[in-house]
Protein backbone atom coordinates (compact mmCIF):
# COMPACT_ATOMS: atom_id res chain seq x y z
CA UNK A 1 -10.44 -44.09 -3.90
CA UNK A 2 -11.60 -40.58 -4.61
CA UNK A 3 -11.61 -38.99 -7.99
CA UNK A 4 -11.48 -35.35 -8.69
CA UNK A 5 -12.97 -33.55 -11.72
CA UNK A 6 -11.44 -30.49 -13.10
CA UNK A 7 -13.98 -28.15 -11.27
CA UNK A 8 -12.92 -29.78 -7.86
CA UNK A 9 -9.78 -28.60 -6.39
CA UNK A 10 -8.22 -28.99 -2.98
CA UNK A 11 -7.90 -25.76 -0.85
CA UNK A 12 -4.89 -25.73 1.51
CA UNK A 13 -5.03 -23.19 4.32
CA UNK A 14 -1.93 -22.28 6.11
CA UNK A 15 -2.24 -22.88 9.95
CA UNK A 16 -0.66 -19.40 10.35
CA UNK A 17 -3.56 -17.59 8.61
CA UNK A 18 -5.53 -17.21 11.72
CA UNK A 19 -2.60 -15.89 13.66
CA UNK A 20 -1.88 -13.26 10.99
CA UNK A 21 -5.54 -12.11 10.98
CA UNK A 22 -5.52 -11.96 14.78
CA UNK A 23 -2.26 -9.98 14.87
CA UNK A 24 -3.71 -7.51 12.22
CA UNK A 25 -6.91 -7.04 14.33
CA UNK A 26 -4.89 -6.44 17.58
CA UNK A 27 -2.50 -4.08 15.78
CA UNK A 28 -5.39 -2.12 14.37
CA UNK A 29 -7.22 -1.88 17.66
CA UNK A 30 -4.13 -0.80 19.44
CA UNK A 31 -3.32 1.83 16.73
CA UNK A 32 -6.89 3.11 16.81
CA UNK A 33 -6.91 3.58 20.49
CA UNK A 34 -3.51 5.26 20.57
CA UNK A 35 -4.36 7.47 17.60
CA UNK A 36 -7.72 8.43 19.27
CA UNK A 37 -6.12 9.57 22.47
CA UNK A 38 -3.21 11.33 20.87
CA UNK A 39 -5.63 13.02 18.32
CA UNK A 40 -7.73 14.19 21.09
CA UNK A 41 -4.83 15.74 23.01
CA UNK A 42 -3.25 17.33 20.01
CA UNK A 43 -6.57 18.59 18.57
CA UNK A 44 -7.47 20.21 21.84
CA UNK A 45 -4.12 21.87 22.15
CA UNK A 46 -4.28 23.28 18.58
CA UNK A 47 -8.04 24.31 19.01
CA UNK A 48 -7.48 25.90 22.42
CA UNK A 49 -4.49 27.95 21.36
CA UNK A 50 -4.85 28.87 17.59
CA UNK A 51 -8.24 27.79 16.13
CA UNK A 52 -10.61 29.15 18.81
CA UNK A 53 -13.44 30.00 16.26
CA UNK A 54 -13.12 26.71 14.28
CA UNK A 55 -16.36 24.82 14.04
CA UNK A 56 -16.95 21.11 13.28
CA UNK A 57 -19.89 18.77 14.17
CA UNK A 58 -21.70 21.39 16.03
CA UNK A 59 -18.78 22.11 18.27
CA UNK A 60 -16.47 25.20 18.39
CA UNK A 61 -12.87 25.82 19.45
CA UNK A 62 -10.92 23.14 21.24
CA UNK A 63 -13.89 20.79 21.32
CA UNK A 64 -14.14 20.73 17.49
CA UNK A 65 -10.52 20.36 16.83
CA UNK A 66 -10.25 17.59 19.47
CA UNK A 67 -13.03 15.74 17.81
CA UNK A 68 -11.47 16.04 14.43
CA UNK A 69 -8.08 15.17 15.68
CA UNK A 70 -9.52 12.07 17.32
CA UNK A 71 -11.12 10.92 14.16
CA UNK A 72 -8.09 11.53 11.94
CA UNK A 73 -5.80 10.11 14.58
CA UNK A 74 -7.87 6.93 14.96
CA UNK A 75 -8.12 6.20 11.14
CA UNK A 76 -4.35 6.91 10.51
CA UNK A 77 -2.95 5.08 13.47
CA UNK A 78 -5.42 2.21 12.98
CA UNK A 79 -4.17 1.70 9.37
CA UNK A 80 -0.52 2.11 10.54
CA UNK A 81 -1.13 -0.48 13.25
CA UNK A 82 -2.46 -3.08 10.86
CA UNK A 83 0.35 -2.39 8.46
CA UNK A 84 3.03 -2.90 11.19
CA UNK A 85 1.27 -5.94 12.51
CA UNK A 86 1.08 -7.52 9.12
CA UNK A 87 4.64 -6.59 8.24
CA UNK A 88 6.12 -7.97 11.52
CA UNK A 89 3.93 -11.16 11.20
CA UNK A 90 5.41 -11.97 7.64
CA UNK A 91 8.95 -12.16 9.03
């Protein structure tokens, strides 16, 4: 017979917790890769046509805007990918 004091409590972990975390990681990785590629293409297009004198991270023109677009796209799409994966997993 086991006795529990007030400071001891039983922790119950849902078996679906690992699956939720895994789907969030996969969603985040897919979103990050998609956002990175899309950001590179859109950034290069914008920098090559309109912001030819823009400077970022030691680069100029389409290279600079491509880098910036890749970073912004990766962060935004990664967060959106995690959000979508967690939302779909809760259903």
